N, C-alpha and C. Protein backbone atom coordinates (compact mmCIF):
# COMPACT_ATOMS: atom_id res chain seq x y z
N MET A 1 0.82 -1.13 0.01
CA MET A 1 -0.06 -0.03 -0.13
C MET A 1 0.78 1.27 0.06
N THR A 2 0.54 2.26 -0.84
CA THR A 2 1.33 3.51 -0.83
C THR A 2 1.15 4.38 -0.01
N ILE A 3 2.27 4.66 0.64
CA ILE A 3 1.93 6.06 1.93
C ILE A 3 1.52 7.09 1.23
N LYS A 4 0.49 7.74 2.06
CA LYS A 4 0.24 9.15 1.52
C LYS A 4 0.71 10.22 2.45
N LEU A 5 1.28 11.20 1.79
CA LEU A 5 1.81 12.53 2.65
C LEU A 5 0.95 13.80 2.16
N HIS A 6 0.25 14.25 3.10
CA HIS A 6 -0.50 15.42 2.85
C HIS A 6 0.46 16.50 3.27
N CYS A 7 0.77 17.29 2.11
CA CYS A 7 2.04 18.19 2.16
C CYS A 7 1.68 19.41 1.00
N PHE A 8 2.70 20.25 1.18
CA PHE A 8 2.85 21.42 -0.09
C PHE A 8 4.14 21.81 0.06
N GLY A 9 4.72 22.21 -1.18
CA GLY A 9 5.92 22.62 -1.59
C GLY A 9 6.52 23.47 -0.64
N GLU A 10 5.74 24.79 -0.27
CA GLU A 10 6.40 25.79 0.63
C GLU A 10 6.66 25.53 1.84
N SER A 11 6.37 24.43 2.49
CA SER A 11 6.26 23.89 3.68
C SER A 11 7.57 23.25 4.01
N GLY A 12 8.52 23.80 4.85
CA GLY A 12 9.76 23.16 5.07
C GLY A 12 9.48 22.04 6.29
N ASN A 13 8.55 22.20 7.07
CA ASN A 13 8.05 20.99 7.72
C ASN A 13 7.62 19.82 7.05
N SER A 14 6.71 20.05 5.93
CA SER A 14 6.55 19.15 4.97
C SER A 14 7.54 18.33 4.33
N TYR A 15 8.59 19.38 3.85
CA TYR A 15 9.76 18.87 3.32
C TYR A 15 10.76 17.73 4.12
N LYS A 16 10.75 17.93 5.34
CA LYS A 16 11.27 17.07 6.17
C LYS A 16 10.89 15.78 6.01
N ALA A 17 9.31 15.64 6.16
CA ALA A 17 8.89 14.34 5.98
C ALA A 17 9.01 13.71 4.59
N ALA A 18 8.84 14.73 3.46
CA ALA A 18 8.87 14.07 2.22
C ALA A 18 10.32 13.58 1.98
N LEU A 19 11.06 14.39 2.42
CA LEU A 19 12.58 14.04 2.12
C LEU A 19 12.98 12.55 2.74
N ALA A 20 12.46 12.49 3.84
CA ALA A 20 12.60 11.04 4.52
C ALA A 20 12.21 10.21 3.73
N LEU A 21 10.96 10.33 3.50
CA LEU A 21 10.29 9.07 2.63
C LEU A 21 10.71 8.95 1.16
N GLU A 22 11.30 10.09 0.54
CA GLU A 22 11.98 9.95 -0.62
C GLU A 22 13.31 9.07 -0.55
N MET A 23 14.04 9.53 0.34
CA MET A 23 15.39 8.99 0.69
C MET A 23 15.42 7.55 1.14
N SER A 24 14.41 7.26 1.67
CA SER A 24 14.21 5.99 2.32
C SER A 24 13.95 4.81 1.40
N GLY A 25 13.32 5.28 0.25
CA GLY A 25 13.01 4.23 -0.74
C GLY A 25 11.46 3.63 -0.53
N LEU A 26 10.89 4.04 0.51
CA LEU A 26 9.59 3.69 0.52
C LEU A 26 8.68 4.13 -0.45
N GLU A 27 7.48 3.45 -0.89
CA GLU A 27 6.61 3.89 -1.93
C GLU A 27 5.78 4.93 -1.06
N TRP A 28 5.68 6.29 -1.89
CA TRP A 28 4.85 7.22 -1.14
C TRP A 28 4.28 7.93 -2.45
N GLU A 29 3.20 8.79 -1.91
CA GLU A 29 2.75 9.88 -3.01
C GLU A 29 2.54 11.22 -2.10
N PRO A 30 2.66 12.17 -2.81
CA PRO A 30 2.14 13.68 -2.15
C PRO A 30 0.71 13.81 -2.35
N VAL A 31 -0.05 14.18 -1.49
CA VAL A 31 -1.39 14.76 -1.47
C VAL A 31 -1.47 16.36 -1.23
N PHE A 32 -1.55 17.12 -2.26
CA PHE A 32 -1.43 18.61 -2.13
C PHE A 32 -2.32 19.11 -1.14
N VAL A 33 -2.01 19.86 -0.12
CA VAL A 33 -2.70 20.74 0.91
C VAL A 33 -2.64 22.15 0.21
N ASP A 34 -3.88 22.66 0.06
CA ASP A 34 -3.90 24.17 -0.34
C ASP A 34 -3.63 25.07 0.75
N PHE A 35 -2.71 25.19 1.34
CA PHE A 35 -2.64 25.98 2.74
C PHE A 35 -2.84 27.35 2.27
N PHE A 36 -2.47 27.96 1.26
CA PHE A 36 -2.47 29.35 1.07
C PHE A 36 -4.19 29.99 0.64
N ASN A 37 -5.05 28.99 0.41
CA ASN A 37 -6.44 29.18 0.37
C ASN A 37 -7.05 28.59 1.33
N GLY A 38 -6.50 28.39 2.52
CA GLY A 38 -7.28 28.12 3.78
C GLY A 38 -7.59 26.71 3.98
N GLN A 39 -7.23 25.70 3.26
CA GLN A 39 -7.59 24.34 3.50
C GLN A 39 -7.36 23.82 4.78
N THR A 40 -6.30 24.09 5.22
CA THR A 40 -5.92 23.54 6.81
C THR A 40 -7.06 24.05 7.82
N ARG A 41 -7.55 25.33 7.54
CA ARG A 41 -8.34 25.95 8.52
C ARG A 41 -9.94 25.42 8.51
N THR A 42 -10.38 24.83 7.52
CA THR A 42 -11.58 24.15 7.20
C THR A 42 -11.96 23.17 8.12
N PRO A 43 -13.31 23.10 8.46
CA PRO A 43 -13.77 22.04 9.54
C PRO A 43 -13.42 20.72 8.81
N GLU A 44 -13.48 20.60 7.53
CA GLU A 44 -13.44 19.21 7.01
C GLU A 44 -12.02 18.85 7.15
N TYR A 45 -11.04 19.80 6.86
CA TYR A 45 -9.68 19.24 6.89
C TYR A 45 -9.38 18.64 8.46
N ARG A 46 -9.82 19.48 9.32
CA ARG A 46 -9.60 19.06 10.83
C ARG A 46 -10.25 17.82 11.17
N ALA A 47 -11.41 17.58 10.70
CA ALA A 47 -12.40 16.30 11.07
C ALA A 47 -11.75 15.28 10.25
N GLU A 48 -11.25 15.26 9.05
CA GLU A 48 -10.91 14.28 8.20
C GLU A 48 -9.32 13.99 7.92
N VAL A 49 -8.65 14.93 8.33
CA VAL A 49 -7.15 14.79 7.96
C VAL A 49 -6.13 15.01 9.26
N ASN A 50 -6.46 16.18 10.04
CA ASN A 50 -5.72 16.46 10.99
C ASN A 50 -6.40 17.60 12.02
N GLU A 51 -6.61 17.26 13.06
CA GLU A 51 -7.37 18.04 13.98
C GLU A 51 -6.48 19.19 14.58
N MET A 52 -5.31 19.18 14.43
CA MET A 52 -4.32 20.11 14.58
C MET A 52 -4.29 21.32 13.44
N GLY A 53 -4.81 21.00 12.25
CA GLY A 53 -4.99 21.79 11.43
C GLY A 53 -3.66 22.10 10.77
N GLU A 54 -2.85 21.37 10.71
CA GLU A 54 -1.29 21.42 10.16
C GLU A 54 -1.33 20.44 9.13
N ALA A 55 -0.08 20.67 8.29
CA ALA A 55 0.65 19.82 7.59
C ALA A 55 1.90 19.58 7.77
N PRO A 56 2.83 18.48 7.61
CA PRO A 56 2.40 17.42 6.82
C PRO A 56 1.51 16.39 7.85
N VAL A 57 0.92 15.50 7.19
CA VAL A 57 0.12 14.54 7.74
C VAL A 57 0.49 13.15 7.08
N LEU A 58 0.86 12.16 7.49
CA LEU A 58 1.33 10.83 6.89
C LEU A 58 0.29 9.80 7.18
N ILE A 59 -0.29 9.03 6.09
CA ILE A 59 -1.21 8.08 6.41
C ILE A 59 -0.94 6.90 5.54
N ASP A 60 -0.82 5.77 6.26
CA ASP A 60 -0.40 4.55 5.98
C ASP A 60 -1.31 3.62 6.16
N GLY A 61 -2.26 3.00 5.14
CA GLY A 61 -3.30 2.36 5.64
C GLY A 61 -4.18 2.90 6.92
N ASP A 62 -4.27 1.93 8.04
CA ASP A 62 -4.93 2.57 9.28
C ASP A 62 -4.17 3.45 10.20
N PHE A 63 -2.76 3.66 9.79
CA PHE A 63 -1.78 4.34 10.47
C PHE A 63 -1.82 5.83 10.07
N ARG A 64 -1.98 6.70 11.09
CA ARG A 64 -1.88 8.14 10.70
C ARG A 64 -1.20 8.86 11.70
N THR A 65 -0.37 9.95 11.35
CA THR A 65 0.34 10.88 12.14
C THR A 65 0.63 12.13 11.59
N SER A 66 0.84 13.07 12.32
CA SER A 66 1.37 14.27 11.86
C SER A 66 2.41 14.72 12.77
N GLN A 67 3.29 15.93 12.37
CA GLN A 67 4.24 16.42 12.91
C GLN A 67 5.54 15.95 12.25
N SER A 68 6.44 16.53 11.66
CA SER A 68 7.49 15.79 10.95
C SER A 68 8.25 15.03 11.75
N GLY A 69 8.35 15.24 12.81
CA GLY A 69 9.60 14.43 13.68
C GLY A 69 8.88 13.11 14.06
N ALA A 70 7.64 13.08 14.21
CA ALA A 70 6.77 11.57 14.28
C ALA A 70 6.92 10.85 13.06
N ILE A 71 6.78 11.70 11.86
CA ILE A 71 6.76 11.10 10.75
C ILE A 71 7.97 10.37 10.34
N GLN A 72 9.09 11.16 10.66
CA GLN A 72 10.29 10.82 10.36
C GLN A 72 10.72 9.49 11.31
N ALA A 73 10.23 9.66 12.38
CA ALA A 73 10.58 8.34 13.38
C ALA A 73 9.63 7.24 12.78
N TYR A 74 8.67 7.36 12.14
CA TYR A 74 7.75 6.25 11.55
C TYR A 74 8.59 5.76 10.44
N VAL A 75 9.06 6.41 9.54
CA VAL A 75 9.78 6.24 8.27
C VAL A 75 10.99 5.30 8.75
N THR A 76 11.60 5.80 9.74
CA THR A 76 12.58 4.95 10.25
C THR A 76 12.31 3.53 10.79
N GLU A 77 11.28 3.48 11.30
CA GLU A 77 10.68 2.19 11.92
C GLU A 77 10.41 1.14 10.80
N LYS A 78 9.92 1.77 9.69
CA LYS A 78 9.37 1.18 8.71
C LYS A 78 10.31 0.85 7.57
N SER A 79 11.41 1.64 7.41
CA SER A 79 12.44 1.45 6.39
C SER A 79 13.81 1.11 7.12
N GLY A 80 13.90 1.35 8.37
CA GLY A 80 15.38 0.95 9.02
C GLY A 80 16.25 1.89 8.61
N LYS A 81 15.97 3.02 8.20
CA LYS A 81 16.97 4.14 7.84
C LYS A 81 16.93 5.32 8.77
N PHE A 82 18.04 5.95 8.77
CA PHE A 82 18.00 7.36 9.26
C PHE A 82 18.02 7.32 11.03
N GLY A 83 18.32 6.28 11.56
CA GLY A 83 18.16 6.06 12.95
C GLY A 83 19.69 6.09 13.40
N GLY A 84 19.94 5.90 14.70
CA GLY A 84 21.36 5.68 15.03
C GLY A 84 21.62 4.42 15.23
N LYS A 85 23.10 4.09 15.51
CA LYS A 85 23.60 2.87 15.41
C LYS A 85 23.75 2.48 16.93
N THR A 86 23.50 3.27 17.87
CA THR A 86 23.21 2.88 19.32
C THR A 86 22.25 3.61 19.86
N ARG A 87 22.00 3.17 21.24
CA ARG A 87 21.17 3.75 22.03
C ARG A 87 21.44 5.39 22.19
N GLU A 88 22.76 5.57 22.58
CA GLU A 88 23.16 7.02 22.44
C GLU A 88 23.03 7.88 21.34
N GLU A 89 23.15 7.34 20.36
CA GLU A 89 22.95 8.15 19.14
C GLU A 89 21.41 8.16 18.80
N ASN A 90 20.53 7.17 19.06
CA ASN A 90 19.20 7.44 18.87
C ASN A 90 18.82 8.67 19.72
N TYR A 91 19.29 8.88 21.03
CA TYR A 91 18.71 9.94 21.94
C TYR A 91 19.55 11.34 21.29
N ASP A 92 20.56 11.17 20.96
CA ASP A 92 21.26 12.30 20.34
C ASP A 92 20.37 12.66 19.10
N ILE A 93 19.85 12.11 18.16
CA ILE A 93 19.11 12.37 17.31
C ILE A 93 17.93 12.97 17.65
N LEU A 94 17.10 12.38 18.46
CA LEU A 94 16.07 13.03 19.20
C LEU A 94 16.28 14.54 19.78
N ARG A 95 17.57 14.49 20.39
CA ARG A 95 17.67 15.75 20.99
C ARG A 95 17.89 16.99 19.93
N TRP A 96 18.36 16.56 18.67
CA TRP A 96 18.43 17.48 17.52
C TRP A 96 17.53 17.66 17.15
N VAL A 97 16.46 16.81 16.73
CA VAL A 97 15.25 16.96 16.16
C VAL A 97 14.37 18.18 17.20
N LEU A 98 14.41 17.95 18.44
CA LEU A 98 13.75 18.59 19.22
C LEU A 98 14.17 20.00 19.31
N TRP A 99 15.48 20.24 19.26
CA TRP A 99 16.32 21.48 19.19
C TRP A 99 15.87 22.29 17.86
N ASP A 100 15.93 21.45 16.92
CA ASP A 100 15.34 22.14 15.54
C ASP A 100 13.96 22.57 15.61
N ASN A 101 13.18 21.77 16.15
CA ASN A 101 11.64 22.10 16.16
C ASN A 101 11.50 23.26 16.92
N HIS A 102 12.23 23.55 18.03
CA HIS A 102 12.19 24.62 19.05
C HIS A 102 12.73 25.74 18.67
N LYS A 103 14.12 25.62 18.06
CA LYS A 103 15.02 26.78 18.04
C LYS A 103 15.38 27.27 16.72
N PHE A 104 15.19 26.25 15.84
CA PHE A 104 15.84 26.48 14.38
C PHE A 104 14.74 26.66 13.19
N SER A 105 14.00 25.47 13.01
CA SER A 105 12.74 25.35 11.86
C SER A 105 11.72 26.38 12.30
N SER A 106 11.48 26.22 13.57
CA SER A 106 10.27 27.35 14.01
C SER A 106 10.67 28.71 13.70
N MET A 107 11.88 29.31 14.08
CA MET A 107 12.18 30.53 13.67
C MET A 107 12.56 30.75 12.27
N ALA A 108 13.12 29.87 11.38
CA ALA A 108 13.27 30.03 10.20
C ALA A 108 11.92 29.93 9.39
N GLY A 109 10.92 29.09 9.51
CA GLY A 109 9.68 28.97 9.08
C GLY A 109 8.89 30.49 9.13
N MET A 110 8.89 30.75 10.33
CA MET A 110 8.02 31.97 10.62
C MET A 110 8.75 33.14 9.94
N THR A 111 10.10 33.30 10.08
CA THR A 111 10.76 34.27 9.48
C THR A 111 10.53 34.43 8.06
N ARG A 112 10.66 33.39 7.37
CA ARG A 112 10.54 33.23 5.79
C ARG A 112 9.08 33.63 5.49
N PHE A 113 8.00 33.04 6.21
CA PHE A 113 6.68 33.45 6.15
C PHE A 113 6.42 35.08 6.03
N LEU A 114 6.97 35.51 7.20
CA LEU A 114 6.73 37.05 7.44
C LEU A 114 7.27 37.90 6.24
N ILE A 115 8.52 37.50 5.71
CA ILE A 115 9.24 38.17 4.50
C ILE A 115 8.65 38.10 3.56
N ASN A 116 8.33 36.72 3.07
CA ASN A 116 7.78 36.44 1.74
C ASN A 116 6.26 36.17 1.35
N PHE A 117 5.74 35.75 2.52
CA PHE A 117 4.36 35.19 2.23
C PHE A 117 3.25 36.09 2.83
N LEU A 118 3.54 36.96 3.89
CA LEU A 118 2.60 37.72 4.41
C LEU A 118 2.57 39.08 3.77
N PRO A 119 1.34 39.63 3.60
CA PRO A 119 1.17 41.09 2.74
C PRO A 119 2.20 41.96 3.32
N GLU A 120 2.72 42.78 2.45
CA GLU A 120 3.70 43.74 2.93
C GLU A 120 3.23 44.68 4.15
N GLN A 121 2.08 45.04 4.14
CA GLN A 121 1.71 45.93 5.23
C GLN A 121 1.61 45.38 6.49
N HIS A 122 1.57 44.06 6.74
CA HIS A 122 1.70 43.40 7.86
C HIS A 122 3.07 42.88 8.40
N ARG A 123 4.25 43.23 7.55
CA ARG A 123 5.48 42.61 7.91
C ARG A 123 6.12 43.60 8.84
N ASN A 124 6.23 43.16 10.12
CA ASN A 124 6.77 44.00 11.26
C ASN A 124 8.20 43.89 11.44
N PRO A 125 8.99 44.74 10.90
CA PRO A 125 10.38 44.85 11.00
C PRO A 125 11.09 44.52 12.15
N ASP A 126 10.52 44.99 13.34
CA ASP A 126 11.07 44.64 14.73
C ASP A 126 10.93 43.08 14.76
N VAL A 127 9.82 42.44 14.66
CA VAL A 127 9.50 40.97 14.72
C VAL A 127 10.37 40.27 13.80
N ILE A 128 10.62 40.74 12.69
CA ILE A 128 11.49 39.88 11.67
C ILE A 128 12.99 40.03 12.30
N ALA A 129 13.57 41.31 12.72
CA ALA A 129 14.88 41.46 13.30
C ALA A 129 14.86 40.54 14.42
N PHE A 130 14.12 40.54 15.38
CA PHE A 130 14.19 39.62 16.59
C PHE A 130 14.41 38.34 16.19
N ASN A 131 13.52 37.64 15.27
CA ASN A 131 13.48 36.37 14.77
C ASN A 131 15.02 36.22 14.13
N GLN A 132 15.49 37.02 13.47
CA GLN A 132 16.68 36.84 12.78
C GLN A 132 17.69 36.73 13.63
N GLY A 133 17.76 37.42 14.66
CA GLY A 133 18.85 37.35 15.92
C GLY A 133 18.57 35.98 16.38
N ARG A 134 17.62 35.44 16.86
CA ARG A 134 17.51 34.05 17.31
C ARG A 134 17.95 33.05 16.33
N LEU A 135 17.65 33.41 15.02
CA LEU A 135 18.21 32.36 14.08
C LEU A 135 19.78 32.42 13.91
N LYS A 136 20.39 33.74 14.10
CA LYS A 136 21.84 33.76 14.00
C LYS A 136 22.48 32.79 15.25
N ALA A 137 21.77 32.84 16.30
CA ALA A 137 22.65 32.04 17.41
C ALA A 137 22.32 30.68 17.01
N ALA A 138 21.19 30.25 16.47
CA ALA A 138 21.07 28.77 15.89
C ALA A 138 22.04 28.44 15.06
N TYR A 139 22.43 29.27 13.96
CA TYR A 139 23.27 28.96 12.78
C TYR A 139 24.53 28.86 13.59
N GLN A 140 24.72 29.69 14.48
CA GLN A 140 26.30 29.58 15.44
C GLN A 140 26.44 28.19 15.90
N VAL A 141 25.29 27.74 16.43
CA VAL A 141 25.31 26.40 17.19
C VAL A 141 25.69 25.08 16.30
N LEU A 142 24.85 25.17 15.03
CA LEU A 142 25.00 24.20 14.21
C LEU A 142 26.23 24.14 13.31
N ASN A 143 26.69 25.49 12.90
CA ASN A 143 27.84 25.70 12.22
C ASN A 143 28.91 25.00 13.03
N ALA A 144 28.96 25.41 14.42
CA ALA A 144 30.31 24.82 15.27
C ALA A 144 30.00 23.44 15.46
N HIS A 145 29.08 22.79 15.54
CA HIS A 145 28.72 21.50 15.65
C HIS A 145 29.15 20.63 14.60
N LEU A 146 29.12 21.25 13.32
CA LEU A 146 29.45 20.39 12.05
C LEU A 146 31.00 20.74 11.76
N GLU A 147 31.68 21.45 12.45
CA GLU A 147 33.07 21.64 12.15
C GLU A 147 33.64 20.11 12.34
N GLY A 148 34.38 19.63 11.52
CA GLY A 148 35.07 18.58 11.53
C GLY A 148 34.44 17.05 11.45
N ARG A 149 33.08 17.23 11.07
CA ARG A 149 32.28 16.03 10.81
C ARG A 149 31.24 16.10 9.69
N ASP A 150 30.83 15.23 9.16
CA ASP A 150 29.93 15.14 8.05
C ASP A 150 28.53 15.19 8.27
N TRP A 151 28.14 14.71 9.56
CA TRP A 151 26.71 14.62 9.73
C TRP A 151 26.48 15.03 11.07
N ILE A 152 25.50 15.28 11.40
CA ILE A 152 25.01 15.91 12.83
C ILE A 152 25.18 14.93 14.07
N VAL A 153 24.87 13.65 13.57
CA VAL A 153 24.92 12.51 14.53
C VAL A 153 25.55 11.36 13.82
N GLY A 154 26.73 10.70 14.34
CA GLY A 154 27.12 9.62 13.80
C GLY A 154 27.84 9.88 12.53
N ASP A 155 27.83 8.71 11.76
CA ASP A 155 28.68 8.77 10.56
C ASP A 155 27.85 8.70 9.11
N SER A 156 26.48 8.82 9.22
CA SER A 156 25.68 8.58 8.08
C SER A 156 24.37 9.63 8.26
N VAL A 157 23.77 9.94 7.14
CA VAL A 157 22.50 10.73 7.40
C VAL A 157 21.47 10.13 8.37
N THR A 158 21.14 11.01 9.32
CA THR A 158 20.00 10.55 10.10
C THR A 158 18.78 11.55 10.26
N ASN A 159 17.60 11.33 11.01
CA ASN A 159 16.75 12.20 11.08
C ASN A 159 17.10 13.74 11.74
N ALA A 160 18.44 13.75 12.42
CA ALA A 160 18.85 15.14 12.79
C ALA A 160 19.10 15.91 11.54
N ASP A 161 19.68 15.11 10.62
CA ASP A 161 20.11 16.04 9.38
C ASP A 161 18.79 16.33 8.65
N LEU A 162 17.87 15.45 8.31
CA LEU A 162 16.80 15.52 7.62
C LEU A 162 15.82 16.60 8.33
N SER A 163 15.99 16.78 9.61
CA SER A 163 15.01 17.81 10.26
C SER A 163 15.68 19.23 10.18
N CYS A 164 16.93 19.11 10.49
CA CYS A 164 17.64 20.54 10.65
C CYS A 164 17.74 21.28 9.08
N CYS A 165 17.74 20.31 8.17
CA CYS A 165 17.87 20.92 6.75
C CYS A 165 16.69 21.57 6.40
N GLY A 166 15.48 21.25 7.00
CA GLY A 166 14.12 21.63 6.43
C GLY A 166 13.93 23.02 5.74
N TYR A 167 14.38 24.01 6.17
CA TYR A 167 14.10 25.37 5.61
C TYR A 167 15.33 25.86 4.70
N LEU A 168 16.48 25.08 4.70
CA LEU A 168 17.68 25.85 4.43
C LEU A 168 17.99 25.67 2.83
N TYR A 169 17.14 24.88 2.08
CA TYR A 169 17.37 24.82 0.59
C TYR A 169 16.30 25.90 -0.05
N TYR A 170 15.45 26.46 0.72
CA TYR A 170 14.46 27.35 -0.19
C TYR A 170 15.35 28.50 -0.59
N PRO A 171 14.68 28.93 -1.89
CA PRO A 171 15.26 30.15 -2.37
C PRO A 171 14.76 31.47 -1.80
N GLU A 172 13.63 31.32 -1.15
CA GLU A 172 13.09 32.68 -0.73
C GLU A 172 14.20 33.34 0.39
N PRO A 173 14.32 34.41 0.45
CA PRO A 173 15.17 35.11 1.62
C PRO A 173 14.60 35.15 2.95
N PHE A 174 15.29 34.83 3.96
CA PHE A 174 14.91 35.16 5.31
C PHE A 174 16.06 35.26 6.27
N GLY A 175 17.38 35.67 5.55
CA GLY A 175 18.53 36.16 6.46
C GLY A 175 19.27 34.94 6.52
N PHE A 176 19.44 33.85 5.68
CA PHE A 176 20.21 32.78 5.93
C PHE A 176 21.21 33.00 4.44
N ASP A 177 22.60 33.12 4.94
CA ASP A 177 23.33 33.14 3.80
C ASP A 177 24.45 31.97 3.90
N ARG A 178 24.26 30.94 2.96
CA ARG A 178 25.18 29.49 3.18
C ARG A 178 26.58 30.14 3.13
N ALA A 179 27.00 31.05 2.46
CA ALA A 179 28.31 31.48 2.43
C ALA A 179 28.88 32.08 3.73
N GLU A 180 28.09 32.43 4.66
CA GLU A 180 28.56 32.90 5.87
C GLU A 180 28.77 31.76 6.72
N TRP A 181 28.22 30.67 6.61
CA TRP A 181 28.44 29.51 7.44
C TRP A 181 29.04 28.25 6.77
N PRO A 182 30.30 28.45 6.69
CA PRO A 182 30.99 27.16 5.95
C PRO A 182 30.71 25.75 6.18
N HIS A 183 30.36 25.55 7.46
CA HIS A 183 30.18 23.99 7.82
C HIS A 183 28.83 23.61 7.43
N ILE A 184 27.91 24.59 7.78
CA ILE A 184 26.46 24.38 7.34
C ILE A 184 26.54 24.13 5.68
N ASP A 185 27.12 25.01 5.01
CA ASP A 185 27.23 25.00 3.56
C ASP A 185 27.76 23.46 3.00
N ALA A 186 28.88 23.21 3.66
CA ALA A 186 29.38 22.04 3.05
C ALA A 186 28.46 20.71 3.58
N TRP A 187 27.90 20.78 4.63
CA TRP A 187 26.95 19.69 5.06
C TRP A 187 25.75 19.66 4.14
N LEU A 188 25.08 21.01 3.68
CA LEU A 188 23.98 20.92 2.74
C LEU A 188 24.34 20.57 1.52
N THR A 189 25.62 20.64 1.02
CA THR A 189 26.09 20.02 -0.26
C THR A 189 26.25 18.57 -0.14
N ARG A 190 26.77 18.06 0.86
CA ARG A 190 26.97 16.55 1.21
C ARG A 190 25.48 16.03 1.06
N LEU A 191 24.57 16.49 1.77
CA LEU A 191 23.19 15.96 1.78
C LEU A 191 22.57 16.14 0.49
N SER A 192 22.72 17.14 -0.35
CA SER A 192 22.10 17.25 -1.59
C SER A 192 22.79 16.14 -2.65
N GLU A 193 23.90 15.69 -2.34
CA GLU A 193 24.50 14.70 -3.14
C GLU A 193 24.09 13.22 -2.84
N GLN A 194 23.23 13.14 -1.79
CA GLN A 194 22.89 11.71 -1.36
C GLN A 194 21.69 11.25 -2.36
N PRO A 195 21.86 9.93 -2.41
CA PRO A 195 20.84 9.16 -3.37
C PRO A 195 19.29 9.48 -2.76
N GLY A 196 18.60 9.88 -3.69
CA GLY A 196 17.05 10.30 -3.41
C GLY A 196 16.80 11.62 -3.21
N TRP A 197 17.78 12.54 -2.86
CA TRP A 197 17.69 13.76 -2.34
C TRP A 197 16.79 14.52 -3.51
N LYS A 198 15.99 15.40 -3.03
CA LYS A 198 15.50 16.47 -4.19
C LYS A 198 15.08 17.63 -3.36
N HIS A 199 15.07 18.66 -4.20
CA HIS A 199 14.80 20.18 -3.84
C HIS A 199 13.36 20.01 -3.44
N PRO A 200 12.86 21.00 -2.46
CA PRO A 200 11.56 20.75 -2.02
C PRO A 200 10.41 20.96 -3.08
N TYR A 201 10.86 22.06 -3.99
CA TYR A 201 9.71 22.20 -5.20
C TYR A 201 9.75 21.17 -6.29
N ASP A 202 10.74 20.48 -6.19
CA ASP A 202 10.76 19.16 -6.93
C ASP A 202 10.04 17.96 -6.46
N LEU A 203 9.89 18.03 -5.09
CA LEU A 203 9.41 16.88 -4.29
C LEU A 203 8.01 16.91 -4.13
N MET A 204 7.57 17.89 -4.03
CA MET A 204 6.03 18.24 -3.48
C MET A 204 5.27 19.41 -4.35
N PRO A 205 4.15 18.97 -4.37
CA PRO A 205 3.21 19.92 -5.41
C PRO A 205 3.12 21.25 -4.50
N GLY A 206 3.18 22.42 -5.16
CA GLY A 206 2.99 23.88 -4.45
C GLY A 206 4.23 24.64 -4.75
N ASN A 207 4.16 25.67 -5.22
CA ASN A 207 5.22 26.70 -5.45
C ASN A 207 4.76 27.97 -5.70
N PRO A 208 5.48 29.08 -4.93
CA PRO A 208 5.19 30.45 -5.13
C PRO A 208 4.68 30.84 -6.54
N SER A 209 5.35 30.23 -7.42
CA SER A 209 4.92 30.74 -8.88
C SER A 209 3.53 30.24 -9.21
N ASP A 210 3.17 29.38 -8.60
CA ASP A 210 1.70 28.86 -8.80
C ASP A 210 0.59 30.28 -8.42
N ARG A 211 1.07 30.88 -7.59
CA ARG A 211 0.31 32.07 -7.20
C ARG A 211 0.53 33.61 -7.87
N ALA A 212 1.60 33.49 -8.47
CA ALA A 212 2.19 34.65 -9.10
C ALA A 212 1.29 35.36 -10.03
C-alpha cells in the first residue's frame, strides 16, 4: 500500500517528512494541501485529516500521524533508515530534532513566512529582526557542531540532518546566507548529493510561482 503524505511545497516541515520518505525508498505519494487558500483551517480538514489543522500528515493504511519528527520516526521504523547505531545515538538524534523544532525550523519558517508570504503591510520589521537574531544564534550552534564532521549525529544521514535542513534549501530570503556558515554550507552540499535527495519544489506540489 502506498503511503500518502498530505503536504505542500512551500512548507519546510512537509519537506522534512517528504525528504525522509523519498530517501528511504519507501513507496509514497504527495497529496496537495492548499494551505494558502485556507484548506487547513476548514472544518473538513480538521475532521478528516488533522485535528491540529497542520501539514504534513502521513497516512499509511490504518496508521496516521502528523508532525514531521513523528513522521520521520515512523519512516525509520518502517525502512530501518536514518536512525542511530546505538542507544546513545538515537537519543542524540532526538535531541537535535527537538532542538530544531524549537529553536531552528520554528524561527526559520516563521521568518520566511513574514518576509515572503505575508502581505507587505503586515510585515513587522522589529519582529523580523528579533527572529533573525535568534536564528543567528542557532546558525552558530549548528555551524560549530558540524566543524570536523560530515553529519550531525554519527557517520551517516539521520533524522537529525533531515530535520535541521528543512528550511535551508529554499530560495526565498529570510536572512540565511550559506556562504557565511561554511560548515553548514558543506553539510548541505553533502546532503544534496545523497541518493534520493530532491529540492522541495521538485518533491512536493505547491510553489510560489503557482500564485504569481
